[in-house]
Amino acid sequence: MIATGLGVFVSGFSSILTGLNFIVTVHKMRAPGLTWFRMPLFVWAHYATSIIQVLGTPVVAVTVLMIAVERTLHLGFFDPALGGDPILFQHLFWFYSHPAVYIMILPAMGVISELIAAFSRKRIFGYEFVAMSSMMIAVIGFLVWGHHMYVSGQSTYAGFVFSALSFLVAIPSAVKVFNWTATLYKGSISWDSPMLFAFGFLGLFTIGGLTGLFLAALGLDIHVHDTYFVVAHFHYIMVGGAIMAFQGGMHFWWPKITGRMYNEFWAKISAALIFVGFNLTFFPQFILGYLGMPRRYYAYPEEFQVLNVMSSAGASVLGLGYLLPAFYLTWSIFRGAPAPANPWKAKGLEWTIQSPPILENFETTPVVTEEAYAYDPADAGHGPDRGKPALA
């Protein structure tokens, strides 16, 4: 228990200090001319994430400390035998653990903003609203932890309040999806692999977000609580959302990081396999959960066999989709074509330097003179520029 507590404290403080590092960097170390509303939305997303890390992580650290004190000094915080309340532990756990979900998904949303702008050759529609929606997610995310506890015995009034707040937190996420879709409208869209991952994100995250509203509703949540419906919803957000965006971002910045281009054909195959495999894996679980199959059971009734087999088959396809990048990205390091400074014709300071970047990135301090995503649709380029590396 002591070792576990110390591990939580070490990782917790690293999370807090990382968030503090990002916040101070954004406030004090922006390049000349990089005003708040010229910042990339990826930076806005990290800023919101850092606020959650700084404010939320101490709560789980204090909770672990309370458990340690309870077990060593026998002071009753959570143990009913000592006069404690186990529901208090749930409140403290979920007060951190629900915002922790946004720690994982907000950076992914920032990545998607970069991809959609770059591959549709347009400024993000409603840039300011998308930036502020990240901040709203960070703020409202701290107020909705009780929707995990509808069946814990909390009052009906508390459940009603948490339900309303949970519907409210869906609004800034919906703003992002709407504005990304509006950005695509009449854009000059390039079907490169990072954009395919972004499209996959849009579809999967939208399903995950809509099913989250089902779980926010008191009556329906009681029916599907702790069933495979919850498993499916969570994975549509965390895997279909966060991991799909991670894949898109990795393929987008890989030439910049390594100075090498990867095989675009196999990257597109990977995106397709992940999308198909993911839906085959997790969509049947919505049906299983609605029919009453609980989580964490190794056995299930015979009538659930077909849907479980579909889910297992989809996991095999999904696994293949995840394995492919390990091969072609490794191959690219040794045999890939040299990457130019800006293979995607993207905007942003990182695309103004050579690939891979020099030590400390810039020879002189860059000066920002234009808004974020100042794309000219007429300058659309379909397919990556595989020319020789060059300084911008």
Protein backbone atom coordinates (compact mmCIF):
# COMPACT_ATOMS: atom_id res chain seq x y z
CA MET A 1 0.00 0.00 0.00
CA ILE A 2 2.85 2.38 0.87
CA ALA A 3 4.60 1.70 -2.43
CA THR A 4 1.35 2.22 -4.33
CA GLY A 5 0.70 5.51 -2.51
CA LEU A 6 4.21 6.76 -3.20
CA GLY A 7 3.79 5.83 -6.87
CA VAL A 8 0.58 7.82 -7.09
CA PHE A 9 2.25 10.80 -5.42
CA VAL A 10 5.26 10.73 -7.76
CA SER A 11 3.15 10.42 -10.92
CA GLY A 12 0.66 12.96 -9.53
CA PHE A 13 3.29 15.59 -8.85
CA SER A 14 4.82 15.01 -12.28
CA SER A 15 1.37 15.66 -13.78
CA ILE A 16 0.90 18.82 -11.70
CA LEU A 17 4.34 20.18 -12.56
CA THR A 18 3.88 19.36 -16.24
CA GLY A 19 0.62 21.29 -16.28
CA LEU A 20 2.25 24.21 -14.45
CA ASN A 21 5.11 24.14 -16.96
CA PHE A 22 2.70 24.41 -19.91
CA ILE A 23 0.65 27.18 -18.28
CA VAL A 24 3.72 29.31 -17.52
CA THR A 25 5.14 28.67 -21.00
CA VAL A 26 1.92 29.79 -22.70
CA HIS A 27 1.70 32.92 -20.55
CA LYS A 28 5.33 34.00 -20.58
CA MET A 29 7.18 32.47 -23.54
CA ARG A 30 5.02 33.01 -26.62
CA ALA A 31 6.90 34.23 -29.68
CA PRO A 32 6.69 37.96 -30.50
CA GLY A 33 3.41 38.60 -32.30
CA LEU A 34 1.82 35.37 -31.06
CA THR A 35 -1.20 36.86 -29.31
CA TRP A 36 -3.74 34.74 -27.49
CA PHE A 37 -6.04 34.55 -30.49
CA ARG A 38 -3.22 33.76 -32.88
CA MET A 39 -2.26 30.65 -30.94
CA PRO A 40 -2.84 27.28 -32.61
CA LEU A 41 -5.87 25.49 -31.22
CA PHE A 42 -3.53 22.64 -30.30
CA VAL A 43 -1.91 25.02 -27.81
CA TRP A 44 -5.31 26.15 -26.51
CA ALA A 45 -6.22 22.51 -25.94
CA HIS A 46 -3.01 21.89 -23.99
CA TYR A 47 -3.61 25.02 -21.94
CA ALA A 48 -7.07 23.80 -20.92
CA THR A 49 -5.67 20.35 -20.20
CA SER A 50 -2.97 21.84 -17.98
CA ILE A 51 -5.57 23.65 -15.89
CA ILE A 52 -7.30 20.33 -15.22
CA GLN A 53 -3.98 18.71 -14.30
CA VAL A 54 -3.08 21.46 -11.85
CA LEU A 55 -6.50 21.65 -10.18
CA GLY A 56 -7.65 18.03 -10.33
CA THR A 57 -4.60 15.93 -9.58
CA PRO A 58 -4.12 17.19 -5.98
CA VAL A 59 -7.56 15.78 -5.14
CA VAL A 60 -6.61 12.19 -5.95
CA ALA A 61 -3.29 12.69 -4.14
CA VAL A 62 -5.10 13.86 -0.99
CA THR A 63 -7.48 10.89 -1.33
CA VAL A 64 -4.56 8.44 -1.34
CA LEU A 65 -3.08 10.26 1.65
CA MET A 66 -6.40 9.91 3.51
CA ILE A 67 -6.42 6.16 2.81
CA ALA A 68 -2.87 5.87 4.15
CA VAL A 69 -3.78 7.80 7.30
CA GLU A 70 -6.91 5.71 7.78
CA ARG A 71 -5.00 2.44 7.55
CA THR A 72 -2.04 3.49 9.70
CA LEU A 73 -3.67 5.72 12.34
CA HIS A 74 -7.17 4.16 12.14
CA LEU A 75 -8.92 7.46 11.58
CA GLY A 76 -12.25 6.85 9.89
CA PHE A 77 -12.57 8.55 6.52
CA PHE A 78 -13.93 5.81 4.26
CA ASP A 79 -14.13 2.61 6.35
CA PRO A 80 -17.60 2.20 7.94
CA ALA A 81 -16.05 0.12 10.74
CA LEU A 82 -14.10 3.23 11.78
CA GLY A 83 -17.04 5.58 11.31
CA GLY A 84 -16.12 6.54 7.75
CA ASP A 85 -18.24 6.81 4.60
CA PRO A 86 -17.28 4.75 1.50
CA ILE A 87 -19.42 7.04 -0.67
CA LEU A 88 -17.03 9.88 0.22
CA PHE A 89 -14.27 7.92 -1.49
CA GLN A 90 -16.41 7.68 -4.63
CA HIS A 91 -16.99 11.44 -4.61
CA LEU A 92 -13.27 12.19 -4.26
CA PHE A 93 -12.30 9.56 -6.83
CA TRP A 94 -14.75 10.71 -9.48
CA PHE A 95 -14.11 14.42 -8.80
CA TYR A 96 -10.65 13.77 -10.25
CA SER A 97 -11.30 10.82 -12.52
CA HIS A 98 -13.98 12.40 -14.68
CA PRO A 99 -11.86 15.49 -15.49
CA ALA A 100 -9.03 13.03 -16.14
CA VAL A 101 -10.99 11.84 -19.18
CA TYR A 102 -10.72 15.37 -20.57
CA ILE A 103 -6.97 15.34 -19.88
CA MET A 104 -6.82 12.60 -22.49
CA ILE A 105 -9.34 13.90 -25.02
CA LEU A 106 -8.61 17.66 -25.06
CA PRO A 107 -5.14 17.32 -26.66
CA ALA A 108 -6.73 14.99 -29.20
CA MET A 109 -9.26 17.70 -30.05
CA GLY A 110 -6.37 20.11 -30.55
CA VAL A 111 -4.74 17.70 -32.99
CA ILE A 112 -7.96 17.39 -35.00
CA SER A 113 -8.18 21.19 -35.31
CA GLU A 114 -4.69 21.22 -36.82
CA LEU A 115 -5.46 18.39 -39.25
CA ILE A 116 -8.77 19.73 -40.48
CA ALA A 117 -7.36 23.21 -41.07
CA ALA A 118 -4.28 21.89 -42.88
CA PHE A 119 -6.06 19.41 -45.13
CA SER A 120 -9.06 21.55 -46.00
CA ARG A 121 -6.90 24.67 -46.57
CA LYS A 122 -9.16 26.84 -44.43
CA ARG A 123 -9.10 28.76 -41.18
CA ILE A 124 -11.04 26.89 -38.52
CA PHE A 125 -14.64 28.11 -38.64
CA GLY A 126 -15.39 30.03 -35.44
CA TYR A 127 -11.79 29.83 -34.22
CA GLU A 128 -12.54 31.83 -31.06
CA PHE A 129 -15.50 29.59 -30.17
CA VAL A 130 -13.39 26.45 -30.61
CA ALA A 131 -10.68 27.94 -28.37
CA MET A 132 -13.17 28.94 -25.68
CA SER A 133 -14.95 25.58 -25.88
CA SER A 134 -11.73 23.94 -24.66
CA MET A 135 -11.78 26.22 -21.63
CA MET A 136 -15.45 25.51 -21.00
CA ILE A 137 -14.83 21.76 -21.11
CA ALA A 138 -12.08 22.22 -18.50
CA VAL A 139 -14.36 24.26 -16.21
CA ILE A 140 -17.65 22.35 -16.55
CA GLY A 141 -15.81 19.02 -16.43
CA PHE A 142 -15.22 19.56 -12.71
CA LEU A 143 -18.96 19.80 -12.03
CA VAL A 144 -20.30 16.54 -13.48
CA TRP A 145 -18.64 13.77 -11.44
CA GLY A 146 -21.94 12.76 -9.83
CA HIS A 147 -23.29 11.21 -13.03
CA HIS A 148 -21.10 8.20 -12.19
CA MET A 149 -23.02 7.79 -8.93
CA TYR A 150 -26.71 7.70 -9.86
CA VAL A 151 -27.05 4.25 -8.25
CA SER A 152 -24.92 5.05 -5.19
CA GLY A 153 -27.85 6.29 -3.14
CA GLN A 154 -27.36 10.01 -3.72
CA SER A 155 -30.52 12.11 -3.60
CA THR A 156 -32.79 12.45 -6.60
CA TYR A 157 -32.23 16.21 -6.53
CA ALA A 158 -28.44 15.75 -6.70
CA GLY A 159 -28.92 13.32 -9.58
CA PHE A 160 -31.08 15.86 -11.42
CA VAL A 161 -28.43 18.58 -11.00
CA PHE A 162 -25.60 16.32 -12.17
CA SER A 163 -27.71 15.18 -15.12
CA ALA A 164 -28.35 18.77 -16.23
CA LEU A 165 -24.68 19.67 -15.87
CA SER A 166 -23.67 16.57 -17.84
CA PHE A 167 -25.89 17.66 -20.71
CA LEU A 168 -24.33 21.13 -20.43
CA VAL A 169 -20.75 19.83 -20.79
CA ALA A 170 -21.75 18.23 -24.09
CA ILE A 171 -22.35 21.67 -25.61
CA PRO A 172 -18.69 22.79 -25.99
CA SER A 173 -17.82 19.38 -27.48
CA ALA A 174 -20.70 19.77 -29.91
CA VAL A 175 -19.42 23.26 -30.78
CA LYS A 176 -16.12 21.72 -31.81
CA VAL A 177 -17.69 19.03 -33.98
CA PHE A 178 -20.03 21.56 -35.62
CA ASN A 179 -17.20 24.01 -36.31
CA TRP A 180 -14.90 21.31 -37.68
CA THR A 181 -17.70 20.19 -40.02
CA ALA A 182 -18.33 23.81 -41.08
CA THR A 183 -14.61 24.18 -41.77
CA LEU A 184 -14.75 21.25 -44.16
CA TYR A 185 -17.65 22.83 -46.07
CA LYS A 186 -16.37 24.06 -49.44
CA GLY A 187 -12.80 23.38 -48.33
CA SER A 188 -10.14 22.09 -50.68
CA ILE A 189 -9.81 18.72 -48.98
CA SER A 190 -6.74 16.53 -49.39
CA TRP A 191 -7.28 12.83 -48.71
CA ASP A 192 -3.91 12.19 -47.11
CA SER A 193 -3.64 9.67 -44.28
CA PRO A 194 -3.65 12.23 -41.40
CA MET A 195 -6.95 13.56 -42.75
CA LEU A 196 -8.39 10.04 -42.92
CA PHE A 197 -7.64 9.61 -39.24
CA ALA A 198 -9.33 12.97 -38.60
CA PHE A 199 -12.45 11.84 -40.46
CA GLY A 200 -12.42 8.65 -38.41
CA PHE A 201 -12.21 10.73 -35.26
CA LEU A 202 -15.22 12.82 -36.27
CA GLY A 203 -17.43 9.79 -36.79
CA LEU A 204 -16.34 7.81 -33.74
CA PHE A 205 -16.18 10.74 -31.32
CA THR A 206 -19.65 11.88 -32.39
CA ILE A 207 -21.11 8.46 -31.59
CA GLY A 208 -19.24 8.43 -28.28
CA GLY A 209 -20.50 11.89 -27.39
CA LEU A 210 -24.12 11.17 -28.27
CA THR A 211 -24.16 7.95 -26.25
CA GLY A 212 -22.70 9.92 -23.35
CA LEU A 213 -25.96 11.87 -23.31
CA PHE A 214 -27.81 8.58 -22.82
CA LEU A 215 -25.68 7.92 -19.75
CA ALA A 216 -26.29 11.44 -18.46
CA ALA A 217 -30.04 10.78 -18.41
CA LEU A 218 -31.10 9.48 -14.99
CA GLY A 219 -33.62 6.84 -16.04
CA LEU A 220 -31.63 5.36 -18.91
CA ASP A 221 -28.35 5.34 -16.97
CA ILE A 222 -29.90 3.25 -14.20
CA HIS A 223 -30.87 0.67 -16.84
CA VAL A 224 -27.44 0.50 -18.54
CA HIS A 225 -25.24 1.28 -15.52
CA ASP A 226 -22.22 -1.05 -15.32
CA THR A 227 -23.16 -2.78 -18.56
CA TYR A 228 -21.29 -3.09 -21.83
CA PHE A 229 -23.07 0.06 -23.00
CA VAL A 230 -20.72 2.00 -20.73
CA VAL A 231 -17.72 0.06 -22.06
CA ALA A 232 -18.67 0.91 -25.64
CA HIS A 233 -19.29 4.59 -24.86
CA PHE A 234 -15.97 4.97 -23.07
CA HIS A 235 -14.00 3.34 -25.86
CA TYR A 236 -15.68 5.40 -28.57
CA ILE A 237 -14.34 8.46 -26.72
CA MET A 238 -10.97 7.20 -25.53
CA VAL A 239 -9.98 4.88 -28.40
CA GLY A 240 -12.13 6.10 -31.24
CA GLY A 241 -11.39 9.69 -30.19
CA ALA A 242 -8.06 9.98 -28.38
CA ILE A 243 -6.19 7.17 -30.14
CA MET A 244 -7.54 8.02 -33.60
CA ALA A 245 -6.36 11.60 -33.09
CA PHE A 246 -3.02 10.32 -31.79
CA GLN A 247 -2.58 8.31 -34.98
CA GLY A 248 -3.53 11.34 -37.08
CA GLY A 249 -1.12 13.60 -35.22
CA MET A 250 1.68 11.04 -35.39
CA HIS A 251 1.32 10.71 -39.15
CA PHE A 252 1.03 14.50 -39.53
CA TRP A 253 4.18 15.36 -37.58
CA TRP A 254 6.21 12.22 -38.34
CA PRO A 255 8.05 13.81 -41.31
CA LYS A 256 8.90 16.82 -39.15
CA ILE A 257 10.11 14.67 -36.25
CA THR A 258 12.18 12.18 -38.25
CA GLY A 259 12.95 13.98 -41.49
CA ARG A 260 11.55 10.99 -43.41
CA MET A 261 8.34 10.30 -45.32
CA TYR A 262 6.39 7.09 -44.72
CA ASN A 263 4.46 4.92 -47.19
CA GLU A 264 1.18 6.73 -47.74
CA PHE A 265 -0.58 3.68 -49.19
CA TRP A 266 -0.04 1.57 -46.08
CA ALA A 267 -0.96 4.49 -43.84
CA LYS A 268 -4.34 4.73 -45.57
CA ILE A 269 -4.82 0.97 -45.21
CA SER A 270 -4.08 1.32 -41.49
CA ALA A 271 -6.64 4.13 -41.11
CA ALA A 272 -9.31 2.04 -42.86
CA LEU A 273 -8.57 -1.09 -40.80
CA ILE A 274 -8.68 0.84 -37.53
CA PHE A 275 -11.99 2.48 -38.40
CA VAL A 276 -13.66 -0.75 -39.54
CA GLY A 277 -12.12 -2.87 -36.80
CA PHE A 278 -13.06 -0.41 -34.10
CA ASN A 279 -16.71 -0.25 -35.10
CA LEU A 280 -16.91 -4.03 -35.41
CA THR A 281 -15.38 -4.36 -31.94
CA PHE A 282 -17.35 -1.83 -29.96
CA PHE A 283 -20.66 -1.12 -31.69
CA PRO A 284 -22.05 -4.58 -30.80
CA GLN A 285 -21.29 -3.75 -27.18
CA PHE A 286 -23.91 -0.97 -27.22
CA ILE A 287 -26.48 -3.62 -28.08
CA LEU A 288 -25.11 -6.05 -25.50
CA GLY A 289 -25.27 -3.40 -22.80
CA TYR A 290 -28.79 -2.37 -23.68
CA LEU A 291 -29.83 -6.02 -23.51
CA GLY A 292 -28.36 -6.21 -20.02
CA MET A 293 -24.91 -7.81 -20.32
CA PRO A 294 -22.91 -6.52 -17.33
CA ARG A 295 -19.27 -5.47 -17.27
CA ARG A 296 -16.47 -7.55 -15.74
CA TYR A 297 -18.16 -10.94 -16.25
CA TYR A 298 -16.19 -13.64 -18.02
CA ALA A 299 -19.33 -15.60 -18.94
CA TYR A 300 -22.51 -14.58 -20.70
CA PRO A 301 -25.79 -16.16 -21.86
CA GLU A 302 -25.85 -18.09 -25.12
CA GLU A 303 -28.00 -15.47 -26.85
CA PHE A 304 -25.12 -12.98 -26.57
CA GLN A 305 -22.68 -15.27 -28.41
CA VAL A 306 -22.96 -13.76 -31.90
CA LEU A 307 -22.40 -10.19 -30.74
CA ASN A 308 -19.43 -11.21 -28.60
CA VAL A 309 -17.87 -13.12 -31.50
CA MET A 310 -18.31 -10.03 -33.70
CA SER A 311 -16.58 -7.96 -31.06
CA SER A 312 -13.67 -10.40 -30.83
CA ALA A 313 -13.32 -10.52 -34.62
CA GLY A 314 -13.30 -6.73 -34.75
CA ALA A 315 -10.55 -6.63 -32.13
CA SER A 316 -8.39 -8.76 -34.45
CA VAL A 317 -8.92 -6.33 -37.33
CA LEU A 318 -8.29 -3.39 -35.00
CA GLY A 319 -5.07 -4.97 -33.74
CA LEU A 320 -3.82 -5.41 -37.31
CA GLY A 321 -4.58 -1.76 -38.02
CA TYR A 322 -2.52 -0.73 -34.99
CA LEU A 323 0.39 -3.03 -35.87
CA LEU A 324 0.83 -1.74 -39.43
CA PRO A 325 2.24 1.69 -38.42
CA ALA A 326 4.90 -0.01 -36.31
CA PHE A 327 6.26 -1.57 -39.51
CA TYR A 328 5.96 1.20 -42.11
CA LEU A 329 7.01 3.99 -39.72
CA THR A 330 10.07 1.99 -38.65
CA TRP A 331 10.80 1.32 -42.34
CA SER A 332 10.51 5.02 -43.09
CA ILE A 333 13.29 5.88 -40.63
CA PHE A 334 15.77 3.80 -42.63
CA ARG A 335 14.38 3.79 -46.18
CA GLY A 336 11.83 6.58 -46.38
CA ALA A 337 12.22 9.50 -48.78
CA PRO A 338 13.78 12.64 -47.21
CA ALA A 339 11.06 14.93 -45.91
CA PRO A 340 10.93 18.58 -46.98
CA ALA A 341 10.45 21.33 -44.44
CA ASN A 342 6.71 21.45 -45.05
CA PRO A 343 5.39 18.33 -46.84
CA TRP A 344 1.74 19.19 -46.18
CA LYS A 345 1.97 22.93 -46.99
CA ALA A 346 0.71 23.54 -43.47
CA LYS A 347 0.73 26.72 -41.38
CA GLY A 348 2.45 27.03 -38.03
CA LEU A 349 5.94 27.84 -36.76
CA GLU A 350 7.08 24.20 -36.78
CA TRP A 351 6.60 24.08 -40.55
CA THR A 352 8.95 27.03 -41.15
CA ILE A 353 12.06 25.07 -40.13
CA GLN A 354 13.86 22.12 -41.64
CA SER A 355 12.95 18.47 -41.06
CA PRO A 356 14.06 17.22 -38.61
CA PRO A 357 14.47 20.46 -36.63
CA ILE A 358 17.83 21.80 -35.60
CA LEU A 359 18.83 21.96 -31.94
CA GLU A 360 16.49 24.38 -30.11
CA ASN A 361 14.36 24.58 -33.28
CA PHE A 362 15.11 28.14 -34.43
CA GLU A 363 18.38 29.95 -35.18
CA THR A 364 16.72 33.26 -34.27
CA THR A 365 13.51 34.04 -32.39
CA PRO A 366 10.62 33.83 -34.88
CA VAL A 367 8.12 36.67 -35.20
CA VAL A 368 4.46 35.85 -35.88
CA THR A 369 2.83 38.25 -38.31
CA GLU A 370 -0.42 36.50 -39.27
CA GLU A 371 -3.39 34.82 -37.64
CA ALA A 372 -3.52 31.09 -37.04
CA TYR A 373 -4.49 29.00 -40.07
CA ALA A 374 -4.08 31.79 -42.63
CA TYR A 375 -4.61 29.37 -45.51
CA ASP A 376 -5.27 30.27 -49.09
CA PRO A 377 -7.61 27.66 -50.60
CA ALA A 378 -6.13 28.37 -54.02
CA ASP A 379 -2.79 27.07 -52.70
CA ALA A 380 -4.19 23.58 -52.14
CA GLY A 381 -1.79 20.74 -52.70
CA HIS A 382 -3.14 17.20 -52.92
CA GLY A 383 -0.69 14.62 -51.68
CA PRO A 384 2.49 15.27 -49.74
CA ASP A 385 5.37 17.21 -51.23
CA ARG A 386 8.18 14.68 -51.36
CA GLY A 387 10.84 17.10 -52.46
CA LYS A 388 14.22 17.56 -50.86
CA PRO A 389 14.51 18.96 -47.34
CA ALA A 390 14.97 22.70 -47.28
CA LEU A 391 14.81 25.61 -44.90
CA ALA A 392 11.63 27.60 -45.15
